[in-house]
Amino acid sequence: MSKFKLYESSEIAQICGCGVETVKKYAQKPENEINFVGTGKRKTFVWFEADIERFKNRNTTRGRPPKEK
């Protein structure tokens, strides 16, 4: 049986030094592929080590990206 640690959104916010709302908004987007338990507004997001690394390496530049020509 493999050992792995599951993280809550508040723990991710402390690890990455950002707000809990930022973490939750990232997790809610389907393209980020964060696993969850529950449905609707009562989802509990399940974070793994790989998810944390993807969150740390996300694009943090402000504004809309320029259009491709």
C-alpha atoms as a PDB file:
ATOM      1  CA  MET A   1       0.000   0.000   0.000  1.00  0.00           C
ATOM      2  CA  SER A   2       1.496   3.323  -1.051  1.00  0.00           C
ATOM      3  CA  LYS A   3       1.618   6.233   1.339  1.00  0.00           C
ATOM      4  CA  PHE A   4       0.517   9.652   0.198  1.00  0.00           C
ATOM      5  CA  LYS A   5      -0.661  12.776   1.946  1.00  0.00           C
ATOM      6  CA  LEU A   6      -3.900  14.522   1.135  1.00  0.00           C
ATOM      7  CA  TYR A   7      -4.057  18.275   1.585  1.00  0.00           C
ATOM      8  CA  GLU A   8      -6.903  20.696   2.281  1.00  0.00           C
ATOM      9  CA  SER A   9      -7.270  24.026   0.502  1.00  0.00           C
ATOM     10  CA  SER A  10      -6.214  25.947   3.617  1.00  0.00           C
ATOM     11  CA  GLU A  11      -2.994  23.906   3.832  1.00  0.00           C
ATOM     12  CA  ILE A  12      -2.220  24.593   0.167  1.00  0.00           C
ATOM     13  CA  ALA A  13      -2.723  28.319   0.767  1.00  0.00           C
ATOM     14  CA  GLN A  14      -0.223  28.238   3.646  1.00  0.00           C
ATOM     15  CA  ILE A  15       2.316  26.223   1.662  1.00  0.00           C
ATOM     16  CA  CYS A  16       2.122  28.491  -1.400  1.00  0.00           C
ATOM     17  CA  GLY A  17       1.677  31.784   0.460  1.00  0.00           C
ATOM     18  CA  CYS A  18      -1.582  32.830  -1.169  1.00  0.00           C
ATOM     19  CA  GLY A  19      -5.224  33.155  -0.198  1.00  0.00           C
ATOM     20  CA  VAL A  20      -7.648  30.273   0.268  1.00  0.00           C
ATOM     21  CA  GLU A  21      -9.984  31.805  -2.338  1.00  0.00           C
ATOM     22  CA  THR A  22      -7.191  31.682  -4.936  1.00  0.00           C
ATOM     23  CA  VAL A  23      -6.659  27.999  -4.214  1.00  0.00           C
ATOM     24  CA  LYS A  24     -10.382  27.229  -4.423  1.00  0.00           C
ATOM     25  CA  LYS A  25     -10.828  29.136  -7.698  1.00  0.00           C
ATOM     26  CA  TYR A  26      -7.918  27.209  -9.207  1.00  0.00           C
ATOM     27  CA  ALA A  27      -9.334  23.881  -8.010  1.00  0.00           C
ATOM     28  CA  GLN A  28     -12.823  24.582  -9.388  1.00  0.00           C
ATOM     29  CA  LYS A  29     -11.634  24.922 -12.982  1.00  0.00           C
ATOM     30  CA  PRO A  30     -12.026  21.572 -14.802  1.00  0.00           C
ATOM     31  CA  GLU A  31      -8.874  22.093 -16.909  1.00  0.00           C
ATOM     32  CA  ASN A  32      -6.736  21.960 -13.740  1.00  0.00           C
ATOM     33  CA  GLU A  33      -7.915  18.397 -13.002  1.00  0.00           C
ATOM     34  CA  ILE A  34      -8.039  18.573  -9.197  1.00  0.00           C
ATOM     35  CA  ASN A  35      -9.872  15.532  -7.786  1.00  0.00           C
ATOM     36  CA  PHE A  36     -12.881  16.152  -5.597  1.00  0.00           C
ATOM     37  CA  VAL A  37     -15.490  14.387  -3.476  1.00  0.00           C
ATOM     38  CA  GLY A  38     -19.094  15.556  -3.429  1.00  0.00           C
ATOM     39  CA  THR A  39     -21.299  17.508  -5.803  1.00  0.00           C
ATOM     40  CA  GLY A  40     -22.386  21.082  -6.377  1.00  0.00           C
ATOM     41  CA  LYS A  41     -21.186  23.651  -3.872  1.00  0.00           C
ATOM     42  CA  ARG A  42     -20.331  20.976  -1.322  1.00  0.00           C
ATOM     43  CA  LYS A  43     -17.215  19.699  -3.095  1.00  0.00           C
ATOM     44  CA  THR A  44     -14.159  18.780  -1.089  1.00  0.00           C
ATOM     45  CA  PHE A  45     -11.045  19.036  -3.219  1.00  0.00           C
ATOM     46  CA  VAL A  46      -8.372  16.376  -2.773  1.00  0.00           C
ATOM     47  CA  TRP A  47      -4.866  17.663  -3.450  1.00  0.00           C
ATOM     48  CA  PHE A  48      -1.845  15.468  -4.165  1.00  0.00           C
ATOM     49  CA  GLU A  49       1.840  16.412  -4.409  1.00  0.00           C
ATOM     50  CA  ALA A  50       1.654  16.683  -8.217  1.00  0.00           C
ATOM     51  CA  ASP A  51      -1.330  19.038  -7.932  1.00  0.00           C
ATOM     52  CA  ILE A  52       0.641  21.295  -5.591  1.00  0.00           C
ATOM     53  CA  GLU A  53       3.537  21.477  -8.052  1.00  0.00           C
ATOM     54  CA  ARG A  54       1.165  22.381 -10.903  1.00  0.00           C
ATOM     55  CA  PHE A  55      -0.418  25.065  -8.711  1.00  0.00           C
ATOM     56  CA  LYS A  56       2.982  26.547  -7.847  1.00  0.00           C
ATOM     57  CA  ASN A  57       3.979  26.601 -11.540  1.00  0.00           C
ATOM     58  CA  ARG A  58       0.706  28.176 -12.765  1.00  0.00           C
ATOM     59  CA  ASN A  59       0.648  31.316 -14.893  1.00  0.00           C
ATOM     60  CA  THR A  60       0.401  34.256 -12.492  1.00  0.00           C
ATOM     61  CA  THR A  61       0.723  37.127 -14.966  1.00  0.00           C
ATOM     62  CA  ARG A  62      -2.147  39.565 -14.771  1.00  0.00           C
ATOM     63  CA  GLY A  63      -4.440  40.406 -17.640  1.00  0.00           C
ATOM     64  CA  ARG A  64      -5.538  38.685 -20.779  1.00  0.00           C
ATOM     65  CA  PRO A  65      -2.857  37.029 -22.918  1.00  0.00           C
ATOM     66  CA  PRO A  66      -2.276  38.580 -26.375  1.00  0.00           C
ATOM     67  CA  LYS A  67      -4.067  37.066 -29.360  1.00  0.00           C
ATOM     68  CA  GLU A  68      -2.131  34.719 -31.585  1.00  0.00           C
ATOM     69  CA  LYS A  69      -1.703  35.980 -35.149  1.00  0.00           C
END
